[in-house]
Amino acid sequence: MKILTTVKKVVDVELTIHVEDGAIVEDGLQYVMNAWDENAVEATVQLK
């Protein structure tokens, strides 16, 4: 059985986001897997 689980990376919510001239400064941003997607991956692994 083949299972596909899609995930999305989002900006780490524990970081401080800096805004300059009305735009987010992307330098130094760290991305993590969406918490809901972590649950989906775990459920997928358990199915196998």
C-alpha atoms as a PDB file:
ATOM      1  CA  MET A   1       0.000   0.000   0.000  1.00  0.00           C
ATOM      2  CA  LYS A   2       1.358   3.418  -0.947  1.00  0.00           C
ATOM      3  CA  ILE A   3       0.307   6.455   1.050  1.00  0.00           C
ATOM      4  CA  LEU A   4       1.053  10.087   0.246  1.00  0.00           C
ATOM      5  CA  THR A   5       0.928  12.770   2.916  1.00  0.00           C
ATOM      6  CA  THR A   6       1.450  16.385   1.938  1.00  0.00           C
ATOM      7  CA  VAL A   7       2.982  18.870   4.350  1.00  0.00           C
ATOM      8  CA  LYS A   8       3.397  22.616   4.459  1.00  0.00           C
ATOM      9  CA  LYS A   9       6.210  24.582   6.009  1.00  0.00           C
ATOM     10  CA  VAL A  10       5.307  27.673   7.997  1.00  0.00           C
ATOM     11  CA  VAL A  11       7.282  30.345   9.825  1.00  0.00           C
ATOM     12  CA  ASP A  12       8.241  29.209  13.327  1.00  0.00           C
ATOM     13  CA  VAL A  13       5.708  30.837  15.673  1.00  0.00           C
ATOM     14  CA  GLU A  14       8.290  31.131  18.449  1.00  0.00           C
ATOM     15  CA  LEU A  15      10.409  33.612  16.462  1.00  0.00           C
ATOM     16  CA  THR A  16      10.112  37.371  16.593  1.00  0.00           C
ATOM     17  CA  ILE A  17       9.060  38.701  13.198  1.00  0.00           C
ATOM     18  CA  HIS A  18      10.513  42.043  12.132  1.00  0.00           C
ATOM     19  CA  VAL A  19       8.601  44.429   9.876  1.00  0.00           C
ATOM     20  CA  GLU A  20      10.221  47.234   7.876  1.00  0.00           C
ATOM     21  CA  ASP A  21       8.360  49.555   5.519  1.00  0.00           C
ATOM     22  CA  GLY A  22       5.203  47.468   5.923  1.00  0.00           C
ATOM     23  CA  ALA A  23       6.861  44.205   4.817  1.00  0.00           C
ATOM     24  CA  ILE A  24       8.172  41.242   6.771  1.00  0.00           C
ATOM     25  CA  VAL A  25      11.970  40.994   6.839  1.00  0.00           C
ATOM     26  CA  GLU A  26      12.619  37.435   5.693  1.00  0.00           C
ATOM     27  CA  ASP A  27      16.310  37.317   6.655  1.00  0.00           C
ATOM     28  CA  GLY A  28      16.778  34.867   9.497  1.00  0.00           C
ATOM     29  CA  LEU A  29      13.269  33.385   9.376  1.00  0.00           C
ATOM     30  CA  GLN A  30      13.115  29.711  10.216  1.00  0.00           C
ATOM     31  CA  TYR A  31      10.475  27.438   8.791  1.00  0.00           C
ATOM     32  CA  VAL A  32       8.995  24.400  10.518  1.00  0.00           C
ATOM     33  CA  MET A  33       6.370  21.831   9.633  1.00  0.00           C
ATOM     34  CA  ASN A  34       2.784  22.863  10.343  1.00  0.00           C
ATOM     35  CA  ALA A  35       1.556  21.254  13.606  1.00  0.00           C
ATOM     36  CA  TRP A  36      -1.478  19.711  11.874  1.00  0.00           C
ATOM     37  CA  ASP A  37       0.795  18.212   9.241  1.00  0.00           C
ATOM     38  CA  GLU A  38       2.983  16.656  11.956  1.00  0.00           C
ATOM     39  CA  ASN A  39      -0.133  14.830  13.177  1.00  0.00           C
ATOM     40  CA  ALA A  40      -0.941  13.720   9.627  1.00  0.00           C
ATOM     41  CA  VAL A  41       2.566  12.316   9.135  1.00  0.00           C
ATOM     42  CA  GLU A  42       2.341  10.456  12.438  1.00  0.00           C
ATOM     43  CA  ALA A  43      -1.020   8.959  11.452  1.00  0.00           C
ATOM     44  CA  THR A  44       0.419   7.924   8.089  1.00  0.00           C
ATOM     45  CA  VAL A  45       3.353   6.184   9.747  1.00  0.00           C
ATOM     46  CA  GLN A  46       1.007   4.346  12.093  1.00  0.00           C
ATOM     47  CA  LEU A  47      -1.020   3.041   9.128  1.00  0.00           C
ATOM     48  CA  LYS A  48       2.028   1.336   7.719  1.00  0.00           C
END
